[in-house]
Each structure stands twice: as C-alpha cells, then as structure tokens.
C-alpha atoms as a PDB file:
ATOM      1  CA  UNK A   1       0.000   0.000   0.000  1.00  0.00           C
ATOM      2  CA  UNK A   2       1.305   3.462  -0.800  1.00  0.00           C
ATOM      3  CA  UNK A   3       1.747   5.968   1.998  1.00  0.00           C
ATOM      4  CA  UNK A   4      -0.825   8.621   1.223  1.00  0.00           C
ATOM      5  CA  UNK A   5      -3.526   8.404   3.940  1.00  0.00           C
ATOM      6  CA  UNK A   6      -4.806  11.890   4.819  1.00  0.00           C
ATOM      7  CA  UNK A   7      -4.121  13.424   8.205  1.00  0.00           C
ATOM      8  CA  UNK A   8      -7.110  12.483  10.408  1.00  0.00           C
ATOM      9  CA  UNK A   9      -7.487  16.117  11.356  1.00  0.00           C
ATOM     10  CA  UNK A  10      -7.854  17.212   7.756  1.00  0.00           C
ATOM     11  CA  UNK A  11     -11.458  16.710   6.634  1.00  0.00           C
ATOM     12  CA  UNK A  12     -10.574  17.540   3.049  1.00  0.00           C
ATOM     13  CA  UNK A  13      -7.862  14.908   2.851  1.00  0.00           C
ATOM     14  CA  UNK A  14      -4.519  15.256   1.096  1.00  0.00           C
ATOM     15  CA  UNK A  15      -4.915  13.074  -1.969  1.00  0.00           C
ATOM     16  CA  UNK A  16      -7.183  13.432  -4.982  1.00  0.00           C
ATOM     17  CA  UNK A  17      -9.604  10.726  -6.031  1.00  0.00           C
ATOM     18  CA  UNK A  18      -7.792  10.566  -9.391  1.00  0.00           C
ATOM     19  CA  UNK A  19      -4.633   9.500  -7.568  1.00  0.00           C
ATOM     20  CA  UNK A  20      -6.534   6.794  -5.725  1.00  0.00           C
ATOM     21  CA  UNK A  21      -8.040   5.621  -9.011  1.00  0.00           C
ATOM     22  CA  UNK A  22      -4.547   5.299 -10.495  1.00  0.00           C
ATOM     23  CA  UNK A  23      -3.381   3.421  -7.409  1.00  0.00           C
ATOM     24  CA  UNK A  24      -6.293   0.990  -7.566  1.00  0.00           C
ATOM     25  CA  UNK A  25      -5.718   0.316 -11.250  1.00  0.00           C
ATOM     26  CA  UNK A  26      -2.027  -0.322 -10.678  1.00  0.00           C
ATOM     27  CA  UNK A  27      -2.510  -2.667  -7.734  1.00  0.00           C
ATOM     28  CA  UNK A  28      -5.375  -4.621  -9.263  1.00  0.00           C
ATOM     29  CA  UNK A  29      -3.603  -5.000 -12.595  1.00  0.00           C
ATOM     30  CA  UNK A  30      -0.444  -6.202 -10.876  1.00  0.00           C
ATOM     31  CA  UNK A  31      -2.471  -8.843  -9.030  1.00  0.00           C
ATOM     32  CA  UNK A  32      -4.097 -10.040 -12.262  1.00  0.00           C
ATOM     33  CA  UNK A  33      -7.619  -9.115 -11.134  1.00  0.00           C
ATOM     34  CA  UNK A  34     -10.065  -9.492 -14.062  1.00  0.00           C
ATOM     35  CA  UNK A  35     -11.228  -6.145 -15.456  1.00  0.00           C
ATOM     36  CA  UNK A  36      -8.943  -4.292 -13.084  1.00  0.00           C
ATOM     37  CA  UNK A  37      -9.835  -0.914 -14.565  1.00  0.00           C
ATOM     38  CA  UNK A  38     -13.562  -1.512 -14.195  1.00  0.00           C
ATOM     39  CA  UNK A  39     -13.111  -2.670 -10.617  1.00  0.00           C
ATOM     40  CA  UNK A  40     -11.007   0.377  -9.811  1.00  0.00           C
ATOM     41  CA  UNK A  41     -13.631   2.750 -11.154  1.00  0.00           C
ATOM     42  CA  UNK A  42     -16.489   1.090  -9.271  1.00  0.00           C
ATOM     43  CA  UNK A  43     -14.501   1.140  -6.039  1.00  0.00           C
ATOM     44  CA  UNK A  44     -13.706   4.829  -6.412  1.00  0.00           C
ATOM     45  CA  UNK A  45     -17.323   5.589  -7.290  1.00  0.00           C
ATOM     46  CA  UNK A  46     -18.519   3.809  -4.161  1.00  0.00           C
ATOM     47  CA  UNK A  47     -15.895   5.310  -1.864  1.00  0.00           C
ATOM     48  CA  UNK A  48     -16.330   8.850  -3.178  1.00  0.00           C
ATOM     49  CA  UNK A  49     -20.079   8.867  -3.719  1.00  0.00           C
ATOM     50  CA  UNK A  50     -19.575  10.336  -7.183  1.00  0.00           C
ATOM     51  CA  UNK A  51     -21.535   8.799 -10.063  1.00  0.00           C
ATOM     52  CA  UNK A  52     -22.347   9.694 -13.644  1.00  0.00           C
ATOM     53  CA  UNK A  53     -21.221  13.170 -14.692  1.00  0.00           C
ATOM     54  CA  UNK A  54     -20.280  13.956 -11.095  1.00  0.00           C
ATOM     55  CA  UNK A  55     -17.683  11.203 -11.178  1.00  0.00           C
ATOM     56  CA  UNK A  56     -15.542  12.845 -13.852  1.00  0.00           C
ATOM     57  CA  UNK A  57     -15.796  16.243 -12.195  1.00  0.00           C
ATOM     58  CA  UNK A  58     -15.137  14.804  -8.752  1.00  0.00           C
ATOM     59  CA  UNK A  59     -11.901  12.984  -9.570  1.00  0.00           C
ATOM     60  CA  UNK A  60      -9.881  16.134  -8.910  1.00  0.00           C
ATOM     61  CA  UNK A  61     -11.508  16.643  -5.537  1.00  0.00           C
ATOM     62  CA  UNK A  62      -9.569  15.723  -2.397  1.00  0.00           C
ATOM     63  CA  UNK A  63     -10.594  12.476  -0.755  1.00  0.00           C
ATOM     64  CA  UNK A  64     -11.960  12.503   2.777  1.00  0.00           C
ATOM     65  CA  UNK A  65     -10.476  10.429   5.570  1.00  0.00           C
ATOM     66  CA  UNK A  66     -13.591   8.251   5.602  1.00  0.00           C
ATOM     67  CA  UNK A  67     -13.481   7.886   1.840  1.00  0.00           C
ATOM     68  CA  UNK A  68      -9.855   6.754   1.867  1.00  0.00           C
ATOM     69  CA  UNK A  69     -10.599   4.184   4.567  1.00  0.00           C
ATOM     70  CA  UNK A  70     -13.491   2.814   2.515  1.00  0.00           C
ATOM     71  CA  UNK A  71     -11.309   2.774  -0.598  1.00  0.00           C
ATOM     72  CA  UNK A  72      -8.511   0.877   1.127  1.00  0.00           C
ATOM     73  CA  UNK A  73     -10.900  -1.719   2.498  1.00  0.00           C
ATOM     74  CA  UNK A  74     -12.545  -2.352  -0.846  1.00  0.00           C
ATOM     75  CA  UNK A  75      -9.266  -2.610  -2.746  1.00  0.00           C
ATOM     76  CA  UNK A  76      -7.941  -5.139  -0.231  1.00  0.00           C
ATOM     77  CA  UNK A  77     -11.108  -7.220  -0.502  1.00  0.00           C
ATOM     78  CA  UNK A  78     -10.913  -7.202  -4.295  1.00  0.00           C
ATOM     79  CA  UNK A  79      -7.257  -8.227  -4.148  1.00  0.00           C
ATOM     80  CA  UNK A  80      -8.310 -11.221  -2.042  1.00  0.00           C
ATOM     81  CA  UNK A  81     -10.560 -12.367  -4.893  1.00  0.00           C
ATOM     82  CA  UNK A  82     -13.899 -11.238  -3.465  1.00  0.00           C
ATOM     83  CA  UNK A  83     -16.349 -10.476  -6.295  1.00  0.00           C
ATOM     84  CA  UNK A  84     -16.689  -6.792  -7.100  1.00  0.00           C
ATOM     85  CA  UNK A  85     -20.441  -6.907  -6.510  1.00  0.00           C
ATOM     86  CA  UNK A  86     -19.936  -7.957  -2.904  1.00  0.00           C
ATOM     87  CA  UNK A  87     -17.068  -5.517  -2.441  1.00  0.00           C
ATOM     88  CA  UNK A  88     -19.148  -2.482  -3.396  1.00  0.00           C
ATOM     89  CA  UNK A  89     -22.268  -3.964  -1.790  1.00  0.00           C
ATOM     90  CA  UNK A  90     -24.728  -3.216  -4.551  1.00  0.00           C
ATOM     91  CA  UNK A  91     -25.300  -3.972  -8.210  1.00  0.00           C
ATOM     92  CA  UNK A  92     -27.548  -2.814 -11.012  1.00  0.00           C
ATOM     93  CA  UNK A  93     -30.226  -5.181 -12.251  1.00  0.00           C
ATOM     94  CA  UNK A  94     -32.590  -3.944 -14.951  1.00  0.00           C
ATOM     95  CA  UNK A  95     -34.124  -0.778 -13.418  1.00  0.00           C
ATOM     96  CA  UNK A  96     -33.034  -1.555  -9.854  1.00  0.00           C
ATOM     97  CA  UNK A  97     -29.966  -0.910  -7.737  1.00  0.00           C
ATOM     98  CA  UNK A  98     -29.806  -3.957  -5.476  1.00  0.00           C
ATOM     99  CA  UNK A  99     -28.012  -4.505  -2.184  1.00  0.00           C
ATOM    100  CA  UNK A 100     -26.006  -7.745  -2.425  1.00  0.00           C
ATOM    101  CA  UNK A 101     -23.650  -9.635  -0.141  1.00  0.00           C
ATOM    102  CA  UNK A 102     -22.382 -13.246   0.143  1.00  0.00           C
ATOM    103  CA  UNK A 103     -25.743 -14.427   1.509  1.00  0.00           C
ATOM    104  CA  UNK A 104     -27.179 -14.296  -2.020  1.00  0.00           C
ATOM    105  CA  UNK A 105     -26.116 -14.958  -5.589  1.00  0.00           C
ATOM    106  CA  UNK A 106     -24.762 -12.075  -7.598  1.00  0.00           C
ATOM    107  CA  UNK A 107     -27.423 -10.758 -10.017  1.00  0.00           C
ATOM    108  CA  UNK A 108     -26.374 -11.562 -13.571  1.00  0.00           C
ATOM    109  CA  UNK A 109     -27.351 -10.299 -17.044  1.00  0.00           C
ATOM    110  CA  UNK A 110     -28.736 -13.722 -17.997  1.00  0.00           C
ATOM    111  CA  UNK A 111     -31.256 -13.469 -15.177  1.00  0.00           C
ATOM    112  CA  UNK A 112     -32.268 -10.022 -16.400  1.00  0.00           C
ATOM    113  CA  UNK A 113     -33.375 -11.793 -19.564  1.00  0.00           C
ATOM    114  CA  UNK A 114     -35.324 -14.336 -17.508  1.00  0.00           C
ATOM    115  CA  UNK A 115     -37.275 -11.413 -16.081  1.00  0.00           C
ATOM    116  CA  UNK A 116     -37.925 -10.245 -19.621  1.00  0.00           C
ATOM    117  CA  UNK A 117     -39.364 -13.624 -20.606  1.00  0.00           C
ATOM    118  CA  UNK A 118     -41.569 -13.613 -17.504  1.00  0.00           C
ATOM    119  CA  UNK A 119     -42.826 -10.136 -18.394  1.00  0.00           C
ATOM    120  CA  UNK A 120     -43.587 -11.350 -21.907  1.00  0.00           C
ATOM    121  CA  UNK A 121     -45.753 -14.112 -20.448  1.00  0.00           C
ATOM    122  CA  UNK A 122     -47.580 -11.653 -18.195  1.00  0.00           C
ATOM    123  CA  UNK A 123     -48.238  -9.381 -21.159  1.00  0.00           C
ATOM    124  CA  UNK A 124     -49.470 -12.327 -23.203  1.00  0.00           C
ATOM    125  CA  UNK A 125     -51.885 -13.379 -20.468  1.00  0.00           C
ATOM    126  CA  UNK A 126     -53.235  -9.868 -19.992  1.00  0.00           C
ATOM    127  CA  UNK A 127     -53.673  -9.370 -23.735  1.00  0.00           C
ATOM    128  CA  UNK A 128     -55.561 -12.604 -24.393  1.00  0.00           C
ATOM    129  CA  UNK A 129     -59.211 -12.369 -25.530  1.00  0.00           C
ATOM    130  CA  UNK A 130     -61.548 -12.224 -22.576  1.00  0.00           C
ATOM    131  CA  UNK A 131     -58.869 -11.262 -20.063  1.00  0.00           C
ATOM    132  CA  UNK A 132     -60.068  -8.930 -17.323  1.00  0.00           C
ATOM    133  CA  UNK A 133     -58.204  -6.140 -15.555  1.00  0.00           C
ATOM    134  CA  UNK A 134     -57.348  -8.109 -12.436  1.00  0.00           C
ATOM    135  CA  UNK A 135     -53.871  -8.126 -10.979  1.00  0.00           C
ATOM    136  CA  UNK A 136     -51.941 -11.218 -12.054  1.00  0.00           C
ATOM    137  CA  UNK A 137     -50.298 -13.349  -9.380  1.00  0.00           C
ATOM    138  CA  UNK A 138     -46.601 -14.183  -9.762  1.00  0.00           C
ATOM    139  CA  UNK A 139     -44.377 -16.434  -7.656  1.00  0.00           C
ATOM    140  CA  UNK A 140     -40.588 -16.042  -7.740  1.00  0.00           C
ATOM    141  CA  UNK A 141     -39.294 -19.205  -6.074  1.00  0.00           C
ATOM    142  CA  UNK A 142     -35.783 -19.049  -4.623  1.00  0.00           C
ATOM    143  CA  UNK A 143     -35.749 -15.273  -4.785  1.00  0.00           C
ATOM    144  CA  UNK A 144     -32.293 -14.643  -3.270  1.00  0.00           C
ATOM    145  CA  UNK A 145     -31.706 -10.895  -3.427  1.00  0.00           C
ATOM    146  CA  UNK A 146     -35.237 -10.400  -4.745  1.00  0.00           C
ATOM    147  CA  UNK A 147     -33.946  -9.390  -8.165  1.00  0.00           C
ATOM    148  CA  UNK A 148     -36.612 -11.190 -10.200  1.00  0.00           C
ATOM    149  CA  UNK A 149     -39.580 -10.527  -7.923  1.00  0.00           C
ATOM    150  CA  UNK A 150     -38.851  -6.849  -7.362  1.00  0.00           C
ATOM    151  CA  UNK A 151     -38.158  -6.224 -11.048  1.00  0.00           C
ATOM    152  CA  UNK A 152     -41.510  -7.726 -12.000  1.00  0.00           C
ATOM    153  CA  UNK A 153     -43.329  -5.645  -9.383  1.00  0.00           C
ATOM    154  CA  UNK A 154     -41.507  -2.497 -10.481  1.00  0.00           C
ATOM    155  CA  UNK A 155     -42.078  -3.012 -14.196  1.00  0.00           C
ATOM    156  CA  UNK A 156     -45.666  -4.302 -14.205  1.00  0.00           C
ATOM    157  CA  UNK A 157     -48.198  -2.516 -12.029  1.00  0.00           C
ATOM    158  CA  UNK A 158     -50.941  -5.098 -12.439  1.00  0.00           C
ATOM    159  CA  UNK A 159     -49.121  -7.804 -10.504  1.00  0.00           C
ATOM    160  CA  UNK A 160     -49.058  -9.279  -7.036  1.00  0.00           C
ATOM    161  CA  UNK A 161     -45.728 -10.992  -6.426  1.00  0.00           C
ATOM    162  CA  UNK A 162     -44.762 -13.685  -3.933  1.00  0.00           C
ATOM    163  CA  UNK A 163     -41.017 -14.050  -3.343  1.00  0.00           C
ATOM    164  CA  UNK A 164     -39.906 -17.182  -1.491  1.00  0.00           C
ATOM    165  CA  UNK A 165     -36.631 -18.615  -0.290  1.00  0.00           C
ATOM    166  CA  UNK A 166     -35.640 -21.430   2.031  1.00  0.00           C
ATOM    167  CA  UNK A 167     -32.803 -19.292   3.407  1.00  0.00           C
ATOM    168  CA  UNK A 168     -33.720 -16.727   6.077  1.00  0.00           C
ATOM    169  CA  UNK A 169     -30.445 -14.947   5.313  1.00  0.00           C
ATOM    170  CA  UNK A 170     -31.453 -14.540   1.677  1.00  0.00           C
ATOM    171  CA  UNK A 171     -34.854 -13.221   2.705  1.00  0.00           C
ATOM    172  CA  UNK A 172     -33.134 -10.644   4.912  1.00  0.00           C
ATOM    173  CA  UNK A 173     -31.334  -9.355   1.821  1.00  0.00           C
ATOM    174  CA  UNK A 174     -34.540  -9.446  -0.236  1.00  0.00           C
ATOM    175  CA  UNK A 175     -36.295  -7.570   2.559  1.00  0.00           C
ATOM    176  CA  UNK A 176     -33.645  -4.855   2.545  1.00  0.00           C
ATOM    177  CA  UNK A 177     -34.105  -4.460  -1.208  1.00  0.00           C
ATOM    178  CA  UNK A 178     -37.874  -4.497  -0.836  1.00  0.00           C
ATOM    179  CA  UNK A 179     -37.640  -1.627   1.663  1.00  0.00           C
ATOM    180  CA  UNK A 180     -36.017   0.492  -1.034  1.00  0.00           C
ATOM    181  CA  UNK A 181     -38.479  -0.355  -3.796  1.00  0.00           C
ATOM    182  CA  UNK A 182     -40.996   2.379  -3.107  1.00  0.00           C
ATOM    183  CA  UNK A 183     -44.692   2.059  -3.930  1.00  0.00           C
ATOM    184  CA  UNK A 184     -44.457  -1.296  -5.779  1.00  0.00           C
ATOM    185  CA  UNK A 185     -43.306  -2.871  -2.495  1.00  0.00           C
ATOM    186  CA  UNK A 186     -46.928  -2.960  -1.339  1.00  0.00           C
ATOM    187  CA  UNK A 187     -47.578  -5.643  -3.966  1.00  0.00           C
ATOM    188  CA  UNK A 188     -44.724  -7.931  -2.914  1.00  0.00           C
ATOM    189  CA  UNK A 189     -44.923 -10.638  -0.233  1.00  0.00           C
ATOM    190  CA  UNK A 190     -41.896 -12.468   1.183  1.00  0.00           C
ATOM    191  CA  UNK A 191     -42.269 -16.037   2.474  1.00  0.00           C
ATOM    192  CA  UNK A 192     -39.753 -18.518   3.846  1.00  0.00           C
ATOM    193  CA  UNK A 193     -39.835 -22.150   2.788  1.00  0.00           C
ATOM    194  CA  UNK A 194     -38.786 -24.662   0.183  1.00  0.00           C
ATOM    195  CA  UNK A 195     -40.165 -23.852  -3.248  1.00  0.00           C
ATOM    196  CA  UNK A 196     -43.977 -24.120  -3.378  1.00  0.00           C
ATOM    197  CA  UNK A 197     -44.161 -25.135   0.300  1.00  0.00           C
ATOM    198  CA  UNK A 198     -43.576 -21.498   1.240  1.00  0.00           C
ATOM    199  CA  UNK A 199     -46.759 -20.332  -0.465  1.00  0.00           C
ATOM    200  CA  UNK A 200     -50.185 -20.060   1.190  1.00  0.00           C
ATOM    201  CA  UNK A 201     -52.284 -23.112   0.233  1.00  0.00           C
ATOM    202  CA  UNK A 202     -55.030 -20.882  -1.137  1.00  0.00           C
ATOM    203  CA  UNK A 203     -52.711 -19.878  -3.992  1.00  0.00           C
ATOM    204  CA  UNK A 204     -52.752 -23.419  -5.395  1.00  0.00           C
ATOM    205  CA  UNK A 205     -54.248 -23.256  -8.878  1.00  0.00           C
ATOM    206  CA  UNK A 206     -54.237 -19.446  -8.854  1.00  0.00           C
ATOM    207  CA  UNK A 207     -50.692 -18.485  -9.881  1.00  0.00           C
ATOM    208  CA  UNK A 208     -50.533 -16.905 -13.306  1.00  0.00           C
ATOM    209  CA  UNK A 209     -46.753 -17.056 -13.652  1.00  0.00           C
ATOM    210  CA  UNK A 210     -44.103 -18.999 -11.761  1.00  0.00           C
ATOM    211  CA  UNK A 211     -40.517 -17.933 -12.363  1.00  0.00           C
ATOM    212  CA  UNK A 212     -37.300 -19.178 -10.827  1.00  0.00           C
ATOM    213  CA  UNK A 213     -33.543 -19.032 -11.072  1.00  0.00           C
ATOM    214  CA  UNK A 214     -32.939 -22.218  -9.057  1.00  0.00           C
ATOM    215  CA  UNK A 215     -29.617 -23.877  -8.296  1.00  0.00           C
ATOM    216  CA  UNK A 216     -28.655 -25.894 -11.373  1.00  0.00           C
ATOM    217  CA  UNK A 217     -24.931 -26.639 -11.090  1.00  0.00           C
ATOM    218  CA  UNK A 218     -24.027 -30.340 -10.867  1.00  0.00           C
ATOM    219  CA  UNK A 219     -21.878 -31.405  -7.923  1.00  0.00           C
ATOM    220  CA  UNK A 220     -19.077 -32.427 -10.276  1.00  0.00           C
ATOM    221  CA  UNK A 221     -19.104 -29.225 -12.334  1.00  0.00           C
ATOM    222  CA  UNK A 222     -16.095 -26.988 -11.945  1.00  0.00           C
ATOM    223  CA  UNK A 223     -16.739 -23.368 -11.032  1.00  0.00           C
ATOM    224  CA  UNK A 224     -14.452 -20.330 -11.171  1.00  0.00           C
ATOM    225  CA  UNK A 225     -12.873 -19.609  -7.797  1.00  0.00           C
ATOM    226  CA  UNK A 226     -14.661 -16.254  -7.612  1.00  0.00           C
ATOM    227  CA  UNK A 227     -17.954 -18.155  -7.677  1.00  0.00           C
ATOM    228  CA  UNK A 228     -17.076 -21.303  -5.740  1.00  0.00           C
ATOM    229  CA  UNK A 229     -15.266 -19.480  -2.934  1.00  0.00           C
ATOM    230  CA  UNK A 230     -17.727 -16.662  -2.373  1.00  0.00           C
ATOM    231  CA  UNK A 231     -21.277 -17.315  -3.541  1.00  0.00           C
ATOM    232  CA  UNK A 232     -23.655 -19.401  -1.370  1.00  0.00           C
ATOM    233  CA  UNK A 233     -23.260 -23.064  -2.372  1.00  0.00           C
ATOM    234  CA  UNK A 234     -26.908 -23.886  -1.625  1.00  0.00           C
ATOM    235  CA  UNK A 235     -27.974 -21.409  -4.291  1.00  0.00           C
ATOM    236  CA  UNK A 236     -25.653 -23.029  -6.838  1.00  0.00           C
ATOM    237  CA  UNK A 237     -25.683 -26.815  -6.395  1.00  0.00           C
ATOM    238  CA  UNK A 238     -28.979 -28.660  -5.771  1.00  0.00           C
ATOM    239  CA  UNK A 239     -27.543 -32.179  -5.888  1.00  0.00           C
ATOM    240  CA  UNK A 240     -25.428 -34.592  -7.919  1.00  0.00           C
ATOM    241  CA  UNK A 241     -26.990 -33.962 -11.322  1.00  0.00           C
ATOM    242  CA  UNK A 242     -27.838 -30.261 -11.106  1.00  0.00           C
ATOM    243  CA  UNK A 243     -31.375 -31.062 -12.313  1.00  0.00           C
ATOM    244  CA  UNK A 244     -32.952 -31.771  -8.921  1.00  0.00           C
ATOM    245  CA  UNK A 245     -34.518 -28.344  -8.318  1.00  0.00           C
ATOM    246  CA  UNK A 246     -35.542 -27.913 -11.949  1.00  0.00           C
ATOM    247  CA  UNK A 247     -37.288 -31.290 -12.000  1.00  0.00           C
ATOM    248  CA  UNK A 248     -39.151 -30.475  -8.793  1.00  0.00           C
ATOM    249  CA  UNK A 249     -40.352 -27.106 -10.088  1.00  0.00           C
ATOM    250  CA  UNK A 250     -41.527 -28.555 -13.394  1.00  0.00           C
ATOM    251  CA  UNK A 251     -43.373 -31.423 -11.703  1.00  0.00           C
ATOM    252  CA  UNK A 252     -45.128 -29.267  -9.096  1.00  0.00           C
ATOM    253  CA  UNK A 253     -45.933 -26.164 -11.126  1.00  0.00           C
ATOM    254  CA  UNK A 254     -49.021 -27.508 -12.972  1.00  0.00           C
ATOM    255  CA  UNK A 255     -50.937 -27.941  -9.704  1.00  0.00           C
ATOM    256  CA  UNK A 256     -50.153 -24.363  -8.665  1.00  0.00           C
ATOM    257  CA  UNK A 257     -50.678 -22.562 -11.959  1.00  0.00           C
ATOM    258  CA  UNK A 258     -53.941 -21.150 -13.218  1.00  0.00           C
ATOM    259  CA  UNK A 259     -55.037 -21.990 -16.733  1.00  0.00           C
ATOM    260  CA  UNK A 260     -53.743 -20.323 -18.758  1.00  0.00           C
ATOM    261  CA  UNK A 261     -50.479 -19.904 -16.879  1.00  0.00           C
ATOM    262  CA  UNK A 262     -46.747 -20.128 -17.458  1.00  0.00           C
ATOM    263  CA  UNK A 263     -43.539 -21.382 -15.859  1.00  0.00           C
ATOM    264  CA  UNK A 264     -40.149 -19.822 -16.628  1.00  0.00           C
ATOM    265  CA  UNK A 265     -36.979 -21.432 -15.252  1.00  0.00           C
ATOM    266  CA  UNK A 266     -33.370 -20.432 -15.756  1.00  0.00           C
ATOM    267  CA  UNK A 267     -30.961 -23.300 -16.453  1.00  0.00           C
ATOM    268  CA  UNK A 268     -27.635 -24.336 -17.895  1.00  0.00           C
ATOM    269  CA  UNK A 269     -27.493 -24.686 -21.693  1.00  0.00           C
ATOM    270  CA  UNK A 270     -26.951 -28.451 -21.512  1.00  0.00           C
ATOM    271  CA  UNK A 271     -30.121 -28.906 -19.428  1.00  0.00           C
ATOM    272  CA  UNK A 272     -32.578 -27.198 -21.759  1.00  0.00           C
ATOM    273  CA  UNK A 273     -33.726 -30.189 -23.806  1.00  0.00           C
ATOM    274  CA  UNK A 274     -34.224 -32.401 -20.759  1.00  0.00           C
ATOM    275  CA  UNK A 275     -36.214 -29.736 -18.909  1.00  0.00           C
ATOM    276  CA  UNK A 276     -38.359 -28.993 -21.949  1.00  0.00           C
ATOM    277  CA  UNK A 277     -39.163 -32.697 -22.307  1.00  0.00           C
ATOM    278  CA  UNK A 278     -39.974 -32.925 -18.595  1.00  0.00           C
ATOM    279  CA  UNK A 279     -42.360 -29.976 -18.895  1.00  0.00           C
ATOM    280  CA  UNK A 280     -44.299 -31.584 -21.725  1.00  0.00           C
ATOM    281  CA  UNK A 281     -44.437 -34.857 -19.785  1.00  0.00           C
ATOM    282  CA  UNK A 282     -45.778 -32.978 -16.737  1.00  0.00           C
ATOM    283  CA  UNK A 283     -48.771 -31.704 -18.679  1.00  0.00           C
ATOM    284  CA  UNK A 284     -47.675 -28.386 -20.114  1.00  0.00           C
ATOM    285  CA  UNK A 285     -49.253 -27.921 -23.530  1.00  0.00           C
ATOM    286  CA  UNK A 286     -46.340 -25.956 -24.909  1.00  0.00           C
ATOM    287  CA  UNK A 287     -42.670 -25.583 -23.899  1.00  0.00           C
ATOM    288  CA  UNK A 288     -39.846 -23.845 -25.682  1.00  0.00           C
ATOM    289  CA  UNK A 289     -36.214 -23.007 -25.049  1.00  0.00           C
ATOM    290  CA  UNK A 290     -35.195 -19.329 -24.827  1.00  0.00           C
ATOM    291  CA  UNK A 291     -31.660 -18.297 -25.763  1.00  0.00           C
ATOM    292  CA  UNK A 292     -29.655 -15.548 -24.085  1.00  0.00           C
ATOM    293  CA  UNK A 293     -27.813 -12.747 -25.861  1.00  0.00           C
ATOM    294  CA  UNK A 294     -24.817 -15.024 -26.378  1.00  0.00           C
ATOM    295  CA  UNK A 295     -27.002 -17.543 -28.207  1.00  0.00           C
ATOM    296  CA  UNK A 296     -26.887 -20.099 -25.378  1.00  0.00           C
ATOM    297  CA  UNK A 297     -29.932 -21.954 -24.126  1.00  0.00           C
ATOM    298  CA  UNK A 298     -30.801 -20.099 -20.927  1.00  0.00           C
ATOM    299  CA  UNK A 299     -34.398 -20.850 -19.951  1.00  0.00           C
ATOM    300  CA  UNK A 300     -37.398 -23.005 -20.625  1.00  0.00           C
ATOM    301  CA  UNK A 301     -40.779 -21.297 -20.923  1.00  0.00           C
ATOM    302  CA  UNK A 302     -43.654 -23.733 -20.412  1.00  0.00           C
ATOM    303  CA  UNK A 303     -47.346 -22.904 -20.816  1.00  0.00           C
ATOM    304  CA  UNK A 304     -50.538 -24.433 -19.546  1.00  0.00           C
ATOM    305  CA  UNK A 305     -53.644 -24.066 -21.693  1.00  0.00           C
END
C-alpha cells in the first residue's frame, strides 16, 4: 500500500480521487484481477459517492479520511478475490440498484433476460381475448436478493408478487431491497420455505406465472474460484446432477398454476432439452427453449392451456 492516507485532522484529505483511481488500477492489474480498470472505477465511485457526470468532475476533488478508509478496504477485498459486486455492496439489475452480499447470488445479465421472458408471459396473459383487468399473481421461487420478484413488481403494475426462499439470510437481503423499492413494495410478499411449500395453500391453482432461477450446477461441475469461494453453495448446487430443483419445479408447477399460466426457469445450456421434455411430460401444452444474448440456451418457458 502506498503511503498517502490523509491526516485524520484534515477533513478535506490530502490526496485526490484521481490518484486513488490510479493506485487501484495499478494494484489490481499487478495482481491479475479481471477487469482491473472496471473494478477500480467502481470502487472509487462507491468510496467517493460520485456517479455519472459527477464522477468525472469529482476525480480532482480531495478524498476525505472516511473515503480513503473505505477505498482501502474495498481494494484489499478485491485483491483477495472477493467479487466486485460484494465488495461495493450493490449492483444494477434492470431498473433496480440492489443490495447484495455473500448471503445471495450475484445478479447476472442472464437473469435479467429471464425477467424479460416472464414479463412477456404476463403481457401475453393480460392481452388474451376475454382477459379482465385483475392483478396477475406471480411467484418467484428461490428469490435470493429479490432481483426477479422486485423487477416484476416495479415493471408491471398489475401484478401481485410472492417471493420465497428457504434461506432466512437470503430473505433478509430481499427484505432490505424491498424496503427500497418504493410504492411497488406494497404488492410484494416475502415467504420462507422450500419452493412451493412457502406459499399459502389458497394460492394453489391461482398463480398466473411462476418464475425461478434455481440452483442448477451439478456437484461435479467446476466453477471459477470467484464463484465457488464466495457465492452461497446452496444457491448453486442442488444435488449430484444439477437437475434436482428444476425437476421439482416442473413437476409441481401444474398444480399451482392457473389456466392459462406459465412457468419460466433459468438453467444451464446443456439442461434445456431435458427440462423442456420434462415440462411436456408434466402436462404443459407448450414448452420452448429461450436463448440468451450469447445464443446459449438459458431458460425453458412452459405454458398451460
């Protein structure tokens, strides 16, 4: 670490944020941290409080004592391999800025697309001939940070959303994000339990859309150290094959969905054909594979008539 900490008695500090940015870049690059420059910028943004246009203008401002302490802590954590999302403590997901920490999975762009496919199904159901103006009921099973559930509530006003998770720690994170959602939060309910078991029995047969990003990594699959060492294993690996949670959701969903209704599940590309076949065998009248922006199979969308 370079010797440049401000004098504690000097509120304005003695080093500019631009100097700290250069230091972070240099140290992270030297350690071989992926996207060192991007990590350095996000750390400086978080430590300084400058974002957008303010960030460029603020780089020449002197850093505060508190800001330098925050900067040093975040750089050290990133050097230890901790994911940037956990280091800065928040991450963008669609229209939301979510609080995240190692109790939940990091929100990823592929899951943003899963939300998009769920919204497409909601729009399809509301646009069908004879549809009324009622609020549609959505269940996000295994909600983690609440990314899927809160995005749906924020982006579609005519929804009531149930967000469930077996982990009380995950629900604490989802609850913190729910508290910052604003008015749509009134339409979101959090419930602890395993998959459909967390839902009130009276919702059986009344869910319009079920969506989930369940654990789908096989026990023998290799994971990057940044994932394996930091993200919650229970949210990654459901069992030996990686299909255990997906198979359960597909088998149980028909008894919980209204007709018409839809199930959307995120999965690994190699699992798509098996999950689609399982959905058709479970009674779904239609099931198709949705590809992500990279052209990889990323979800199965299954519909009940």
